[in-house]
Amino acid sequence: MTDRLSYKNKKELPDSVYGLPERREYPMPDAAHVRAAEAYFRYCPEDLKPRLATAIVERAREYGVDVESPTVLSYARESR
């Protein structure tokens, strides 16, 4: 899979690979997209950040990615 997902590719992804599945935003079908979701985390609406942070940490663990953002890690800890 390339780093860029086409509209068609995004449409075919299951809801479960999205950081915010109900909005189908922040797709994380692979390690590269987990890192991208972490990089774009700051654009997430404030009220959704805890859920997205948790999803990023969970997917990162699944793909062996180290989450480096202290902000993402902080939101993930708060949401527990």
PDB file of N, CA and C in Angstrom:
ATOM      1  N   MET A   1       0.859  -1.186   0.000  1.00  0.00           N
ATOM      2  CA  MET A   1       0.000   0.000   0.000  1.00  0.00           C
ATOM      3  C   MET A   1       0.900   1.243   0.000  1.00  0.00           C
ATOM      4  N   THR A   2       0.537   2.242  -0.765  1.00  0.00           N
ATOM      5  CA  THR A   2       1.323   3.462  -0.826  1.00  0.00           C
ATOM      6  C   THR A   2       1.008   4.356   0.369  1.00  0.00           C
ATOM      7  N   ASP A   3       1.816   5.402   0.508  1.00  0.00           N
ATOM      8  CA  ASP A   3       1.579   6.336   1.608  1.00  0.00           C
ATOM      9  C   ASP A   3       0.311   7.148   1.406  1.00  0.00           C
ATOM     10  N   ARG A   4      -0.117   7.267   0.176  1.00  0.00           N
ATOM     11  CA  ARG A   4      -1.303   8.070  -0.136  1.00  0.00           C
ATOM     12  C   ARG A   4      -2.461   7.138  -0.473  1.00  0.00           C
ATOM     13  N   LEU A   5      -3.585   7.329   0.197  1.00  0.00           N
ATOM     14  CA  LEU A   5      -4.766   6.522  -0.086  1.00  0.00           C
ATOM     15  C   LEU A   5      -5.680   7.271  -1.042  1.00  0.00           C
ATOM     16  N   SER A   6      -6.088   6.610  -2.097  1.00  0.00           N
ATOM     17  CA  SER A   6      -7.037   7.227  -3.024  1.00  0.00           C
ATOM     18  C   SER A   6      -8.429   7.195  -2.393  1.00  0.00           C
ATOM     19  N   TYR A   7      -9.333   7.945  -2.974  1.00  0.00           N
ATOM     20  CA  TYR A   7     -10.709   7.954  -2.499  1.00  0.00           C
ATOM     21  C   TYR A   7     -11.273   6.541  -2.549  1.00  0.00           C
ATOM     22  N   LYS A   8     -10.983   5.833  -3.649  1.00  0.00           N
ATOM     23  CA  LYS A   8     -11.474   4.465  -3.804  1.00  0.00           C
ATOM     24  C   LYS A   8     -10.909   3.560  -2.700  1.00  0.00           C
ATOM     25  N   ASN A   9      -9.607   3.693  -2.425  1.00  0.00           N
ATOM     26  CA  ASN A   9      -8.996   2.882  -1.365  1.00  0.00           C
ATOM     27  C   ASN A   9      -9.631   3.175  -0.010  1.00  0.00           C
ATOM     28  N   LYS A  10      -9.847   4.451   0.280  1.00  0.00           N
ATOM     29  CA  LYS A  10     -10.454   4.825   1.564  1.00  0.00           C
ATOM     30  C   LYS A  10     -11.851   4.237   1.693  1.00  0.00           C
ATOM     31  N   LYS A  11     -12.596   4.272   0.592  1.00  0.00           N
ATOM     32  CA  LYS A  11     -13.959   3.748   0.595  1.00  0.00           C
ATOM     33  C   LYS A  11     -13.993   2.260   0.913  1.00  0.00           C
ATOM     34  N   GLU A  12     -12.962   1.544   0.474  1.00  0.00           N
ATOM     35  CA  GLU A  12     -12.912   0.101   0.665  1.00  0.00           C
ATOM     36  C   GLU A  12     -12.426  -0.316   2.051  1.00  0.00           C
ATOM     37  N   LEU A  13     -11.836   0.611   2.795  1.00  0.00           N
ATOM     38  CA  LEU A  13     -11.324   0.283   4.128  1.00  0.00           C
ATOM     39  C   LEU A  13     -12.472   0.063   5.112  1.00  0.00           C
ATOM     40  N   PRO A  14     -12.326  -0.895   6.007  1.00  0.00           N
ATOM     41  CA  PRO A  14     -13.363  -1.082   7.033  1.00  0.00           C
ATOM     42  C   PRO A  14     -13.296   0.053   8.064  1.00  0.00           C
ATOM     43  N   ASP A  15     -14.408   0.332   8.689  1.00  0.00           N
ATOM     44  CA  ASP A  15     -14.461   1.385   9.712  1.00  0.00           C
ATOM     45  C   ASP A  15     -13.417   1.157  10.801  1.00  0.00           C
ATOM     46  N   SER A  16     -13.110  -0.101  11.075  1.00  0.00           N
ATOM     47  CA  SER A  16     -12.224  -0.443  12.191  1.00  0.00           C
ATOM     48  C   SER A  16     -10.799   0.094  12.044  1.00  0.00           C
ATOM     49  N   VAL A  17     -10.368   0.472  10.855  1.00  0.00           N
ATOM     50  CA  VAL A  17      -8.999   0.984  10.693  1.00  0.00           C
ATOM     51  C   VAL A  17      -8.920   2.503  10.843  1.00  0.00           C
ATOM     52  N   TYR A  18     -10.042   3.137  11.064  1.00  0.00           N
ATOM     53  CA  TYR A  18     -10.063   4.593  11.226  1.00  0.00           C
ATOM     54  C   TYR A  18      -9.921   4.982  12.689  1.00  0.00           C
ATOM     55  N   GLY A  19      -9.182   6.054  12.927  1.00  0.00           N
ATOM     56  CA  GLY A  19      -9.044   6.576  14.278  1.00  0.00           C
ATOM     57  C   GLY A  19     -10.365   7.098  14.809  1.00  0.00           C
ATOM     58  N   LEU A  20     -11.152   7.670  13.908  1.00  0.00           N
ATOM     59  CA  LEU A  20     -12.500   8.141  14.248  1.00  0.00           C
ATOM     60  C   LEU A  20     -13.467   7.468  13.271  1.00  0.00           C
ATOM     61  N   PRO A  21     -13.851   6.224  13.553  1.00  0.00           N
ATOM     62  CA  PRO A  21     -14.639   5.451  12.590  1.00  0.00           C
ATOM     63  C   PRO A  21     -15.987   6.056  12.218  1.00  0.00           C
ATOM     64  N   GLU A  22     -16.641   6.709  13.169  1.00  0.00           N
ATOM     65  CA  GLU A  22     -17.960   7.278  12.869  1.00  0.00           C
ATOM     66  C   GLU A  22     -17.859   8.438  11.869  1.00  0.00           C
ATOM     67  N   ARG A  23     -16.688   9.045  11.779  1.00  0.00           N
ATOM     68  CA  ARG A  23     -16.455  10.128  10.819  1.00  0.00           C
ATOM     69  C   ARG A  23     -15.603   9.663   9.636  1.00  0.00           C
ATOM     70  N   ARG A  24     -15.089   8.428   9.744  1.00  0.00           N
ATOM     71  CA  ARG A  24     -14.178   7.860   8.735  1.00  0.00           C
ATOM     72  C   ARG A  24     -13.016   8.817   8.469  1.00  0.00           C
ATOM     73  N   GLU A  25     -12.393   9.238   9.569  1.00  0.00           N
ATOM     74  CA  GLU A  25     -11.239  10.129   9.497  1.00  0.00           C
ATOM     75  C   GLU A  25     -10.047   9.461  10.177  1.00  0.00           C
ATOM     76  N   TYR A  26      -8.855   9.840   9.762  1.00  0.00           N
ATOM     77  CA  TYR A  26      -7.595   9.312  10.293  1.00  0.00           C
ATOM     78  C   TYR A  26      -7.461   7.810  10.031  1.00  0.00           C
ATOM     79  N   PRO A  27      -7.432   7.424   8.749  1.00  0.00           N
ATOM     80  CA  PRO A  27      -7.259   6.005   8.433  1.00  0.00           C
ATOM     81  C   PRO A  27      -5.869   5.521   8.854  1.00  0.00           C
ATOM     82  N   MET A  28      -5.815   4.329   9.424  1.00  0.00           N
ATOM     83  CA  MET A  28      -4.535   3.759   9.870  1.00  0.00           C
ATOM     84  C   MET A  28      -4.443   2.290   9.459  1.00  0.00           C
ATOM     85  N   PRO A  29      -4.407   2.020   8.134  1.00  0.00           N
ATOM     86  CA  PRO A  29      -4.325   0.629   7.683  1.00  0.00           C
ATOM     87  C   PRO A  29      -2.911   0.054   7.736  1.00  0.00           C
ATOM     88  N   ASP A  30      -1.916   0.889   8.040  1.00  0.00           N
ATOM     89  CA  ASP A  30      -0.532   0.420   8.094  1.00  0.00           C
ATOM     90  C   ASP A  30       0.298   1.376   8.956  1.00  0.00           C
ATOM     91  N   ALA A  31       1.557   1.022   9.171  1.00  0.00           N
ATOM     92  CA  ALA A  31       2.439   1.811  10.045  1.00  0.00           C
ATOM     93  C   ALA A  31       2.610   3.248   9.555  1.00  0.00           C
ATOM     94  N   ALA A  32       2.744   3.436   8.247  1.00  0.00           N
ATOM     95  CA  ALA A  32       2.938   4.785   7.700  1.00  0.00           C
ATOM     96  C   ALA A  32       1.751   5.686   8.035  1.00  0.00           C
ATOM     97  N   HIS A  33       0.551   5.123   7.991  1.00  0.00           N
ATOM     98  CA  HIS A  33      -0.635   5.928   8.278  1.00  0.00           C
ATOM     99  C   HIS A  33      -0.833   6.161   9.776  1.00  0.00           C
ATOM    100  N   VAL A  34      -0.308   5.274  10.593  1.00  0.00           N
ATOM    101  CA  VAL A  34      -0.324   5.511  12.043  1.00  0.00           C
ATOM    102  C   VAL A  34       0.535   6.743  12.330  1.00  0.00           C
ATOM    103  N   ARG A  35       1.727   6.791  11.707  1.00  0.00           N
ATOM    104  CA  ARG A  35       2.608   7.955  11.892  1.00  0.00           C
ATOM    105  C   ARG A  35       1.955   9.230  11.350  1.00  0.00           C
ATOM    106  N   ALA A  36       1.231   9.116  10.241  1.00  0.00           N
ATOM    107  CA  ALA A  36       0.540  10.280   9.678  1.00  0.00           C
ATOM    108  C   ALA A  36      -0.562  10.763  10.620  1.00  0.00           C
ATOM    109  N   ALA A  37      -1.310   9.828  11.198  1.00  0.00           N
ATOM    110  CA  ALA A  37      -2.373  10.212  12.138  1.00  0.00           C
ATOM    111  C   ALA A  37      -1.772  10.939  13.337  1.00  0.00           C
ATOM    112  N   GLU A  38      -0.617  10.468  13.791  1.00  0.00           N
ATOM    113  CA  GLU A  38       0.060  11.142  14.896  1.00  0.00           C
ATOM    114  C   GLU A  38       0.471  12.558  14.486  1.00  0.00           C
ATOM    115  N   ALA A  39       0.976  12.699  13.274  1.00  0.00           N
ATOM    116  CA  ALA A  39       1.425  14.004  12.789  1.00  0.00           C
ATOM    117  C   ALA A  39       0.260  14.989  12.630  1.00  0.00           C
ATOM    118  N   TYR A  40      -0.895  14.488  12.237  1.00  0.00           N
ATOM    119  CA  TYR A  40      -2.063  15.362  12.009  1.00  0.00           C
ATOM    120  C   TYR A  40      -2.991  15.449  13.216  1.00  0.00           C
ATOM    121  N   PHE A  41      -2.586  14.877  14.316  1.00  0.00           N
ATOM    122  CA  PHE A  41      -3.403  14.855  15.526  1.00  0.00           C
ATOM    123  C   PHE A  41      -3.876  16.249  15.938  1.00  0.00           C
ATOM    124  N   ARG A  42      -3.025  17.246  15.776  1.00  0.00           N
ATOM    125  CA  ARG A  42      -3.366  18.610  16.215  1.00  0.00           C
ATOM    126  C   ARG A  42      -4.594  19.185  15.495  1.00  0.00           C
ATOM    127  N   TYR A  43      -4.955  18.615  14.348  1.00  0.00           N
ATOM    128  CA  TYR A  43      -6.110  19.117  13.604  1.00  0.00           C
ATOM    129  C   TYR A  43      -7.425  18.472  14.044  1.00  0.00           C
ATOM    130  N   CYS A  44      -7.345  17.513  14.910  1.00  0.00           N
ATOM    131  CA  CYS A  44      -8.539  16.823  15.402  1.00  0.00           C
ATOM    132  C   CYS A  44      -9.323  17.758  16.327  1.00  0.00           C
ATOM    133  N   PRO A  45     -10.661  17.743  16.233  1.00  0.00           N
ATOM    134  CA  PRO A  45     -11.459  18.536  17.168  1.00  0.00           C
ATOM    135  C   PRO A  45     -11.137  18.151  18.617  1.00  0.00           C
ATOM    136  N   GLU A  46     -11.071  19.128  19.471  1.00  0.00           N
ATOM    137  CA  GLU A  46     -10.659  18.947  20.873  1.00  0.00           C
ATOM    138  C   GLU A  46     -11.439  17.840  21.580  1.00  0.00           C
ATOM    139  N   ASP A  47     -12.753  17.790  21.380  1.00  0.00           N
ATOM    140  CA  ASP A  47     -13.566  16.804  22.090  1.00  0.00           C
ATOM    141  C   ASP A  47     -13.332  15.365  21.607  1.00  0.00           C
ATOM    142  N   LEU A  48     -12.712  15.196  20.449  1.00  0.00           N
ATOM    143  CA  LEU A  48     -12.451  13.864  19.905  1.00  0.00           C
ATOM    144  C   LEU A  48     -11.013  13.401  20.114  1.00  0.00           C
ATOM    145  N   LYS A  49     -10.161  14.289  20.606  1.00  0.00           N
ATOM    146  CA  LYS A  49      -8.741  13.960  20.767  1.00  0.00           C
ATOM    147  C   LYS A  49      -8.486  12.761  21.681  1.00  0.00           C
ATOM    148  N   PRO A  50      -9.173  12.620  22.809  1.00  0.00           N
ATOM    149  CA  PRO A  50      -8.902  11.434  23.648  1.00  0.00           C
ATOM    150  C   PRO A  50      -9.155  10.120  22.912  1.00  0.00           C
ATOM    151  N   ARG A  51     -10.242  10.038  22.157  1.00  0.00           N
ATOM    152  CA  ARG A  51     -10.558   8.809  21.419  1.00  0.00           C
ATOM    153  C   ARG A  51      -9.545   8.548  20.318  1.00  0.00           C
ATOM    154  N   LEU A  52      -9.176   9.617  19.590  1.00  0.00           N
ATOM    155  CA  LEU A  52      -8.202   9.454  18.524  1.00  0.00           C
ATOM    156  C   LEU A  52      -6.846   9.057  19.090  1.00  0.00           C
ATOM    157  N   ALA A  53      -6.435   9.677  20.178  1.00  0.00           N
ATOM    158  CA  ALA A  53      -5.149   9.348  20.794  1.00  0.00           C
ATOM    159  C   ALA A  53      -5.098   7.877  21.198  1.00  0.00           C
ATOM    160  N   THR A  54      -6.164   7.387  21.787  1.00  0.00           N
ATOM    161  CA  THR A  54      -6.240   5.985  22.188  1.00  0.00           C
ATOM    162  C   THR A  54      -6.133   5.079  20.965  1.00  0.00           C
ATOM    163  N   ALA A  55      -6.832   5.434  19.895  1.00  0.00           N
ATOM    164  CA  ALA A  55      -6.780   4.638  18.665  1.00  0.00           C
ATOM    165  C   ALA A  55      -5.373   4.637  18.075  1.00  0.00           C
ATOM    166  N   ILE A  56      -4.710   5.787  18.080  1.00  0.00           N
ATOM    167  CA  ILE A  56      -3.351   5.870  17.551  1.00  0.00           C
ATOM    168  C   ILE A  56      -2.419   4.961  18.350  1.00  0.00           C
ATOM    169  N   VAL A  57      -2.498   5.030  19.672  1.00  0.00           N
ATOM    170  CA  VAL A  57      -1.626   4.209  20.526  1.00  0.00           C
ATOM    171  C   VAL A  57      -1.901   2.726  20.296  1.00  0.00           C
ATOM    172  N   GLU A  58      -3.168   2.340  20.189  1.00  0.00           N
ATOM    173  CA  GLU A  58      -3.510   0.932  19.970  1.00  0.00           C
ATOM    174  C   GLU A  58      -3.003   0.437  18.626  1.00  0.00           C
ATOM    175  N   ARG A  59      -3.216   1.225  17.572  1.00  0.00           N
ATOM    176  CA  ARG A  59      -2.766   0.816  16.230  1.00  0.00           C
ATOM    177  C   ARG A  59      -1.242   0.822  16.163  1.00  0.00           C
ATOM    178  N   ALA A  60      -0.612   1.776  16.829  1.00  0.00           N
ATOM    179  CA  ALA A  60       0.853   1.848  16.840  1.00  0.00           C
ATOM    180  C   ALA A  60       1.420   0.581  17.463  1.00  0.00           C
ATOM    181  N   ARG A  61       0.827   0.137  18.544  1.00  0.00           N
ATOM    182  CA  ARG A  61       1.263  -1.093  19.213  1.00  0.00           C
ATOM    183  C   ARG A  61       1.126  -2.279  18.253  1.00  0.00           C
ATOM    184  N   GLU A  62       0.024  -2.307  17.531  1.00  0.00           N
ATOM    185  CA  GLU A  62      -0.246  -3.394  16.578  1.00  0.00           C
ATOM    186  C   GLU A  62       0.814  -3.450  15.465  1.00  0.00           C
ATOM    187  N   TYR A  63       1.267  -2.280  15.006  1.00  0.00           N
ATOM    188  CA  TYR A  63       2.225  -2.215  13.896  1.00  0.00           C
ATOM    189  C   TYR A  63       3.667  -2.005  14.346  1.00  0.00           C
ATOM    190  N   GLY A  64       3.910  -1.975  15.651  1.00  0.00           N
ATOM    191  CA  GLY A  64       5.273  -1.810  16.147  1.00  0.00           C
ATOM    192  C   GLY A  64       5.827  -0.405  15.937  1.00  0.00           C
ATOM    193  N   VAL A  65       4.947   0.592  15.983  1.00  0.00           N
ATOM    194  CA  VAL A  65       5.347   1.990  15.812  1.00  0.00           C
ATOM    195  C   VAL A  65       5.484   2.637  17.182  1.00  0.00           C
ATOM    196  N   ASP A  66       6.547   3.395  17.376  1.00  0.00           N
ATOM    197  CA  ASP A  66       6.711   4.145  18.619  1.00  0.00           C
ATOM    198  C   ASP A  66       6.000   5.480  18.500  1.00  0.00           C
ATOM    199  N   VAL A  67       5.033   5.734  19.373  1.00  0.00           N
ATOM    200  CA  VAL A  67       4.353   7.035  19.399  1.00  0.00           C
ATOM    201  C   VAL A  67       5.282   7.999  20.113  1.00  0.00           C
ATOM    202  N   GLU A  68       5.683   9.053  19.426  1.00  0.00           N
ATOM    203  CA  GLU A  68       6.659   9.993  19.969  1.00  0.00           C
ATOM    204  C   GLU A  68       6.038  11.276  20.512  1.00  0.00           C
ATOM    205  N   SER A  69       4.819  11.565  20.103  1.00  0.00           N
ATOM    206  CA  SER A  69       4.183  12.813  20.512  1.00  0.00           C
ATOM    207  C   SER A  69       3.746  12.765  21.977  1.00  0.00           C
ATOM    208  N   PRO A  70       4.317  13.635  22.817  1.00  0.00           N
ATOM    209  CA  PRO A  70       3.867  13.668  24.213  1.00  0.00           C
ATOM    210  C   PRO A  70       2.403  14.070  24.324  1.00  0.00           C
ATOM    211  N   THR A  71       1.924  14.853  23.383  1.00  0.00           N
ATOM    212  CA  THR A  71       0.521  15.282  23.399  1.00  0.00           C
ATOM    213  C   THR A  71      -0.400  14.093  23.172  1.00  0.00           C
ATOM    214  N   VAL A  72      -0.099  13.288  22.173  1.00  0.00           N
ATOM    215  CA  VAL A  72      -0.914  12.106  21.893  1.00  0.00           C
ATOM    216  C   VAL A  72      -0.883  11.167  23.093  1.00  0.00           C
ATOM    217  N   LEU A  73       0.297  10.916  23.638  1.00  0.00           N
ATOM    218  CA  LEU A  73       0.412  10.029  24.794  1.00  0.00           C
ATOM    219  C   LEU A  73      -0.347  10.563  26.004  1.00  0.00           C
ATOM    220  N   SER A  74      -0.317  11.861  26.195  1.00  0.00           N
ATOM    221  CA  SER A  74      -1.024  12.475  27.314  1.00  0.00           C
ATOM    222  C   SER A  74      -2.530  12.291  27.166  1.00  0.00           C
ATOM    223  N   TYR A  75      -3.055  12.558  25.982  1.00  0.00           N
ATOM    224  CA  TYR A  75      -4.505  12.380  25.747  1.00  0.00           C
ATOM    225  C   TYR A  75      -4.900  10.912  25.913  1.00  0.00           C
ATOM    226  N   ALA A  76      -4.050  10.004  25.451  1.00  0.00           N
ATOM    227  CA  ALA A  76      -4.365   8.575  25.567  1.00  0.00           C
ATOM    228  C   ALA A  76      -4.419   8.159  27.034  1.00  0.00           C
ATOM    229  N   ARG A  77      -3.500   8.677  27.850  1.00  0.00           N
ATOM    230  CA  ARG A  77      -3.516   8.345  29.288  1.00  0.00           C
ATOM    231  C   ARG A  77      -4.762   8.909  29.955  1.00  0.00           C
ATOM    232  N   GLU A  78      -5.139  10.134  29.581  1.00  0.00           N
ATOM    233  CA  GLU A  78      -6.322  10.771  30.197  1.00  0.00           C
ATOM    234  C   GLU A  78      -7.599  10.030  29.880  1.00  0.00           C
ATOM    235  N   SER A  79      -7.661   9.372  28.725  1.00  0.00           N
ATOM    236  CA  SER A  79      -8.919   8.745  28.313  1.00  0.00           C
ATOM    237  C   SER A  79      -9.153   7.392  28.972  1.00  0.00           C
ATOM    238  N   ARG A  80      -8.174   6.887  29.725  1.00  0.00           N
ATOM    239  CA  ARG A  80      -8.336   5.588  30.403  1.00  0.00           C
ATOM    240  C   ARG A  80      -9.216   5.696  31.603  1.00  0.00           C
TER     241      ARG A  80
END
